[in-house]
Amino acid sequence: MEQTSSRDSCAEFDQCLRILNLMLDNEATGEEELYVKNHIEKCMVCFEQYEVEKQIRDLIKSKFQNLPVPENLEADIRSKIRLIA
C-alpha cells in the first residue's frame, strides 16, 4: 500500500505550514492566525503538523531556558563593540 505525504493529503498544507511557522514566531497577522485556526479545526493533517511544530519549539525553549548566563558576558560584548567602533 502506497502512503501519501501530508502535502498530498491537504491542498492547503504548504500555505498552512508557512503561516503556522509565522504564528509560532509571533509574526503572523491576525488574519493569518484566524485562517490557520479555522483550517486546523477541519483538517487533521494540518492540526497534527501544528502539534508537532509546537512541541518541537516548546522542547527547544525548555532546553535553552535554564542555561546560565556567564557573568562576564556583558563586559565581553561591550569590549568587542568598542573594538569595532
Protein backbone atom coordinates (compact mmCIF):
# COMPACT_ATOMS: atom_id res chain seq x y z
CA MET A 1 0.00 0.00 0.00
CA GLU A 2 1.44 3.37 -1.03
CA GLN A 3 1.48 6.16 1.55
CA THR A 4 0.70 9.74 0.60
CA SER A 5 2.62 12.65 2.05
CA SER A 6 0.93 15.29 4.17
CA ARG A 7 1.10 17.68 1.25
CA ASP A 8 -0.87 15.24 -0.87
CA SER A 9 -3.50 14.88 1.85
CA CYS A 10 -4.23 18.60 2.15
CA ALA A 11 -4.27 21.05 -0.75
CA GLU A 12 -3.53 23.91 1.67
CA PHE A 13 -0.69 22.20 3.58
CA ASP A 14 2.17 24.38 2.30
CA GLN A 15 0.30 27.63 2.92
CA CYS A 16 -0.86 26.45 6.33
CA LEU A 17 2.66 25.38 7.33
CA ARG A 18 4.13 28.73 6.24
CA ILE A 19 1.60 30.66 8.31
CA LEU A 20 1.89 28.21 11.18
CA ASN A 21 5.61 28.94 11.43
CA LEU A 22 4.85 32.68 11.40
CA MET A 23 2.36 32.13 14.22
CA LEU A 24 4.84 30.20 16.33
CA ASP A 25 7.36 33.01 15.81
CA ASN A 26 4.69 35.59 16.76
CA GLU A 27 4.97 37.16 13.31
CA ALA A 28 1.61 36.24 11.76
CA THR A 29 -1.10 38.81 11.13
CA GLY A 30 -4.45 38.43 12.84
CA GLU A 31 -5.96 37.38 9.53
CA GLU A 32 -3.31 34.69 9.04
CA GLU A 33 -3.83 33.35 12.56
CA LEU A 34 -7.57 33.19 12.02
CA TYR A 35 -7.04 31.30 8.76
CA VAL A 36 -4.86 28.65 10.44
CA LYS A 37 -7.11 28.30 13.47
CA ASN A 38 -10.16 27.78 11.26
CA HIS A 39 -8.28 25.42 8.96
CA ILE A 40 -6.84 23.15 11.66
CA GLU A 41 -10.31 22.74 13.16
CA LYS A 42 -11.30 20.97 9.93
CA CYS A 43 -8.03 19.42 8.77
CA MET A 44 -6.42 16.66 10.84
CA VAL A 45 -3.26 16.66 8.68
CA CYS A 46 -2.53 20.32 9.42
CA PHE A 47 -3.64 20.01 13.05
CA GLU A 48 -1.15 17.19 13.59
CA GLN A 49 1.59 19.25 11.91
CA TYR A 50 0.70 22.18 14.19
CA GLU A 51 1.09 19.95 17.24
CA VAL A 52 4.46 18.61 16.03
CA GLU A 53 5.82 22.10 15.29
CA LYS A 54 4.59 23.43 18.65
CA GLN A 55 6.13 20.52 20.58
CA ILE A 56 9.47 20.97 18.83
CA ARG A 57 9.55 24.68 19.66
CA ASP A 58 8.47 24.08 23.25
CA LEU A 59 11.22 21.48 23.66
CA ILE A 60 13.86 23.83 22.26
CA LYS A 61 12.67 26.66 24.52
CA SER A 62 12.78 24.42 27.59
CA LYS A 63 16.34 23.30 26.81
CA PHE A 64 17.67 26.84 26.41
CA GLN A 65 15.60 28.47 29.11
CA ASN A 66 17.64 27.11 32.00
CA LEU A 67 21.11 27.84 30.68
CA PRO A 68 23.15 30.08 32.98
CA VAL A 69 24.48 33.31 31.50
CA PRO A 70 28.22 33.80 32.01
CA GLU A 71 28.94 36.58 34.49
CA ASN A 72 31.32 38.38 32.16
CA LEU A 73 29.12 38.17 29.04
CA GLU A 74 28.01 41.82 29.13
CA ALA A 75 31.56 43.10 29.64
CA ASP A 76 32.86 40.89 26.81
CA ILE A 77 30.20 42.17 24.42
CA ARG A 78 30.85 45.80 25.35
CA SER A 79 34.61 45.42 24.87
CA LYS A 80 34.11 43.82 21.44
CA ILE A 81 31.79 46.64 20.40
CA ARG A 82 34.38 49.21 21.45
CA LEU A 83 37.00 47.44 19.32
CA ILE A 84 34.75 47.56 16.26
CA ALA A 85 33.62 51.18 16.74
